[in-house]
Amino acid sequence: MLRMKGRASVRQWASLVALGAAGWTGCSHPVAPAAPPPAAAMAPSAASETPEAAGGAVASVPEVHVNQDCLILQDTLDGVQGISVPGGQMLPTGGESDPVVCHLESKLTSNHVQSTVVNGAVQRSVVVVQQQQYLLQNQFAQPVVFVVEHSVPDGWTVDSVPPPTSMIGKTAIFKVVVQPGQVERLQVAEQHLIPLAPPAGG
């Protein structure tokens, strides 16, 4: 009888294994994590990448406003007010100055002659190019957005890559996200065309 019970139990165990195998292969419910994880688990969220990639997240990041002379401003732009920086020196004219936070690394001027065809005639012009490189450093413990308010003189156009985020009147607005303790460079280029008079008798 013990042998019969033993054989029966073996047969029962084998049938359970067979049913279990059929259940694993035939059942449509995902018992094992065979399906790929959801997209949220596969890639980091947009907010964890950069504030720019998060769309509206940029508005929640503090903004440091500077002008073309690297003067740190506390003005309001697009409803967001610029913040004061640690260690900044207040100036009598308003705003702050801190060369560690913002300074101009280079300021260059060059020119070249350009020829274009206008109404079938060759028009030659002198193209004057001014380039200014900002050095921006984040001294805060969280990411900040540097808002560079670069004033463009009359008769000049901005020729920068990347282009300005926006134009407010004659002020080109550049927004640069800088992580804590990091330094970013922003190159701003402007150009001005001076038409040359055609040669006498030409």
Protein backbone atom coordinates (compact mmCIF):
# COMPACT_ATOMS: atom_id res chain seq x y z
CA MET A 1 0.00 0.00 0.00
CA LEU A 2 2.85 2.32 0.74
CA ARG A 3 4.22 1.70 -2.73
CA MET A 4 0.84 2.41 -4.31
CA LYS A 5 0.54 5.63 -2.34
CA GLY A 6 4.04 6.54 -3.38
CA ARG A 7 3.27 5.87 -7.06
CA ALA A 8 -0.01 7.77 -6.80
CA SER A 9 1.73 10.72 -5.23
CA VAL A 10 4.34 10.68 -7.99
CA ARG A 11 1.60 10.60 -10.63
CA GLN A 12 -0.24 13.41 -8.85
CA TRP A 13 2.96 15.45 -8.67
CA ALA A 14 3.61 14.84 -12.41
CA SER A 15 0.06 15.88 -13.32
CA LEU A 16 0.40 19.02 -11.20
CA VAL A 17 3.66 19.85 -12.95
CA ALA A 18 1.99 19.33 -16.34
CA LEU A 19 -0.93 21.54 -15.35
CA GLY A 20 1.44 24.12 -13.98
CA ALA A 21 3.40 24.14 -17.22
CA ALA A 22 0.20 24.48 -19.22
CA GLY A 23 -0.87 27.31 -16.94
CA TRP A 24 2.44 29.15 -17.49
CA THR A 25 2.28 28.85 -21.26
CA GLY A 26 -1.43 29.12 -21.87
CA CYS A 27 -2.48 31.71 -19.33
CA SER A 28 -2.76 35.23 -20.65
CA HIS A 29 -2.06 36.85 -17.29
CA PRO A 30 1.55 38.02 -16.97
CA VAL A 31 2.88 35.97 -14.11
CA ALA A 32 6.52 36.82 -14.81
CA PRO A 33 7.73 40.34 -15.74
CA ALA A 34 8.00 39.39 -19.41
CA ALA A 35 6.39 42.61 -20.62
CA PRO A 36 8.70 45.62 -20.87
CA PRO A 37 8.49 48.13 -18.00
CA PRO A 38 6.38 51.23 -18.58
CA ALA A 39 7.97 54.19 -20.30
CA ALA A 40 8.20 56.12 -17.04
CA ALA A 41 10.44 53.41 -15.60
CA MET A 42 12.55 53.02 -18.74
CA ALA A 43 13.66 56.65 -19.04
CA PRO A 44 14.26 59.37 -16.46
CA SER A 45 11.52 61.90 -16.12
CA ALA A 46 11.82 65.14 -18.04
CA ALA A 47 12.25 67.08 -14.83
CA SER A 48 15.33 65.04 -13.91
CA GLU A 49 17.07 65.81 -17.21
CA THR A 50 17.17 69.59 -17.53
CA PRO A 51 14.72 72.29 -16.52
CA GLU A 52 14.42 73.22 -20.22
CA ALA A 53 13.31 69.71 -21.17
CA ALA A 54 10.57 69.81 -18.56
CA GLY A 55 8.63 72.53 -20.35
CA GLY A 56 7.05 74.56 -17.56
CA ALA A 57 9.74 73.54 -15.06
CA VAL A 58 11.94 76.46 -16.14
CA ALA A 59 9.53 78.92 -14.53
CA SER A 60 10.06 77.28 -11.10
CA VAL A 61 13.86 77.58 -11.32
CA PRO A 62 15.39 80.79 -9.92
CA GLU A 63 16.55 83.25 -12.58
CA VAL A 64 19.70 85.38 -12.50
CA HIS A 65 19.24 88.34 -14.86
CA VAL A 66 22.34 89.99 -16.31
CA ASN A 67 22.76 92.63 -19.00
CA GLN A 68 25.39 92.99 -21.73
CA ASP A 69 27.86 94.41 -19.18
CA CYS A 70 27.34 91.45 -16.79
CA LEU A 71 25.53 93.70 -14.33
CA ILE A 72 23.25 91.47 -12.22
CA LEU A 73 19.72 92.86 -12.36
CA GLN A 74 16.70 92.44 -10.11
CA ASP A 75 14.20 93.42 -12.78
CA THR A 76 11.11 91.44 -13.74
CA LEU A 77 10.98 89.67 -17.09
CA ASP A 78 7.98 87.64 -18.26
CA GLY A 79 6.60 87.86 -14.73
CA VAL A 80 9.74 86.37 -13.13
CA GLN A 81 11.98 88.58 -11.01
CA GLY A 82 15.75 88.20 -11.02
CA ILE A 83 17.34 87.08 -7.75
CA SER A 84 20.28 88.44 -5.79
CA VAL A 85 23.49 86.42 -5.90
CA PRO A 86 25.65 85.38 -2.92
CA GLY A 87 28.57 87.76 -2.45
CA GLY A 88 27.32 90.26 -5.01
CA GLN A 89 28.36 93.90 -4.59
CA MET A 90 25.53 96.40 -4.82
CA LEU A 91 26.21 99.29 -7.16
CA PRO A 92 24.95 102.89 -6.83
CA THR A 93 23.39 102.63 -10.30
CA GLY A 94 21.31 99.63 -9.19
CA GLY A 95 21.95 95.92 -9.54
CA GLU A 96 24.95 93.93 -8.41
CA SER A 97 28.40 93.09 -9.70
CA ASP A 98 30.17 89.79 -9.13
CA PRO A 99 32.81 88.75 -11.70
CA VAL A 100 32.70 85.17 -10.40
CA VAL A 101 29.01 84.87 -11.28
CA CYS A 102 29.22 86.70 -14.61
CA HIS A 103 32.03 88.30 -16.56
CA LEU A 104 32.93 88.85 -20.18
CA GLU A 105 35.65 86.42 -21.21
CA SER A 106 36.19 87.99 -24.62
CA LYS A 107 34.87 90.84 -26.73
CA LEU A 108 36.02 90.90 -30.36
CA THR A 109 35.25 93.01 -33.44
CA SER A 110 36.00 92.00 -37.02
CA ASN A 111 34.83 92.95 -40.51
CA HIS A 112 34.78 91.58 -44.04
CA VAL A 113 33.42 92.56 -47.44
CA GLN A 114 30.32 90.82 -48.71
CA SER A 115 28.89 90.90 -52.25
CA THR A 116 25.22 90.32 -53.05
CA VAL A 117 23.19 90.67 -56.23
CA VAL A 118 20.32 93.16 -55.96
CA ASN A 119 18.07 93.70 -59.02
CA GLY A 120 20.77 92.27 -61.26
CA ALA A 121 23.49 94.56 -59.87
CA VAL A 122 26.30 93.56 -57.52
CA GLN A 123 26.05 95.32 -54.18
CA ARG A 124 29.14 95.25 -51.97
CA SER A 125 28.93 95.87 -48.25
CA VAL A 126 31.24 95.85 -45.27
CA VAL A 127 29.96 93.47 -42.61
CA VAL A 128 31.04 94.45 -39.10
CA VAL A 129 30.79 91.59 -36.59
CA GLN A 130 30.93 91.97 -32.82
CA GLN A 131 31.27 88.88 -30.64
CA GLN A 132 30.89 88.79 -26.90
CA GLN A 133 31.37 85.71 -24.71
CA TYR A 134 29.70 85.53 -21.30
CA LEU A 135 31.10 83.30 -18.57
CA LEU A 136 28.25 82.27 -16.23
CA GLN A 137 28.81 80.39 -12.97
CA ASN A 138 26.14 78.99 -10.66
CA GLN A 139 27.04 79.45 -6.97
CA PHE A 140 23.69 78.22 -5.70
CA ALA A 141 22.87 74.72 -4.40
CA GLN A 142 20.23 74.23 -7.11
CA PRO A 143 20.02 74.80 -10.88
CA VAL A 144 19.45 78.39 -11.98
CA VAL A 145 18.53 79.98 -15.30
CA PHE A 146 20.81 82.81 -16.38
CA VAL A 147 18.73 85.31 -18.36
CA VAL A 148 21.09 87.43 -20.45
CA GLU A 149 19.37 90.67 -21.53
CA HIS A 150 21.62 91.74 -24.39
CA SER A 151 20.83 95.18 -25.79
CA VAL A 152 21.13 95.36 -29.60
CA PRO A 153 22.11 98.77 -31.07
CA ASP A 154 20.13 100.37 -33.87
CA GLY A 155 21.09 99.02 -37.28
CA TRP A 156 22.52 95.80 -35.83
CA THR A 157 21.10 92.28 -35.92
CA VAL A 158 21.81 89.25 -33.74
CA ASP A 159 23.66 86.46 -35.57
CA SER A 160 24.20 83.91 -32.79
CA VAL A 161 24.01 80.12 -32.64
CA PRO A 162 21.81 79.27 -30.84
CA PRO A 163 19.59 82.27 -31.57
CA PRO A 164 17.98 84.34 -28.79
CA THR A 165 15.12 82.77 -26.86
CA SER A 166 13.09 85.89 -27.63
CA MET A 167 13.33 89.56 -28.55
CA ILE A 168 11.78 92.25 -26.37
CA GLY A 169 12.05 95.48 -28.30
CA LYS A 170 15.74 95.88 -29.07
CA THR A 171 16.83 93.48 -26.32
CA ALA A 172 17.80 89.91 -27.20
CA ILE A 173 16.94 87.46 -24.44
CA PHE A 174 19.13 84.38 -23.98
CA LYS A 175 18.31 81.75 -21.34
CA VAL A 176 21.04 79.38 -20.14
CA VAL A 177 20.44 76.63 -17.55
CA VAL A 178 23.48 76.18 -15.29
CA GLN A 179 23.77 73.33 -12.78
CA PRO A 180 25.12 73.89 -9.23
CA GLY A 181 28.84 74.66 -9.22
CA GLN A 182 29.04 74.55 -13.02
CA VAL A 183 30.22 77.16 -15.55
CA GLU A 184 28.60 77.77 -18.93
CA ARG A 185 29.72 80.01 -21.79
CA LEU A 186 27.35 82.00 -23.98
CA GLN A 187 28.58 83.44 -27.28
CA VAL A 188 26.55 86.38 -28.61
CA ALA A 189 27.31 87.75 -32.08
CA GLU A 190 25.89 90.85 -33.76
CA GLN A 191 26.44 92.15 -37.25
CA HIS A 192 26.02 95.47 -39.02
CA LEU A 193 26.05 96.03 -42.81
CA ILE A 194 27.59 99.19 -44.31
CA PRO A 195 26.81 99.44 -48.05
CA LEU A 196 29.73 100.54 -50.22
CA ALA A 197 29.12 103.09 -52.95
CA PRO A 198 29.75 101.70 -56.43
CA PRO A 199 32.93 102.96 -58.08
CA ALA A 200 32.62 106.18 -60.08
CA GLY A 201 31.58 105.50 -63.67
CA GLY A 202 30.67 101.89 -62.81
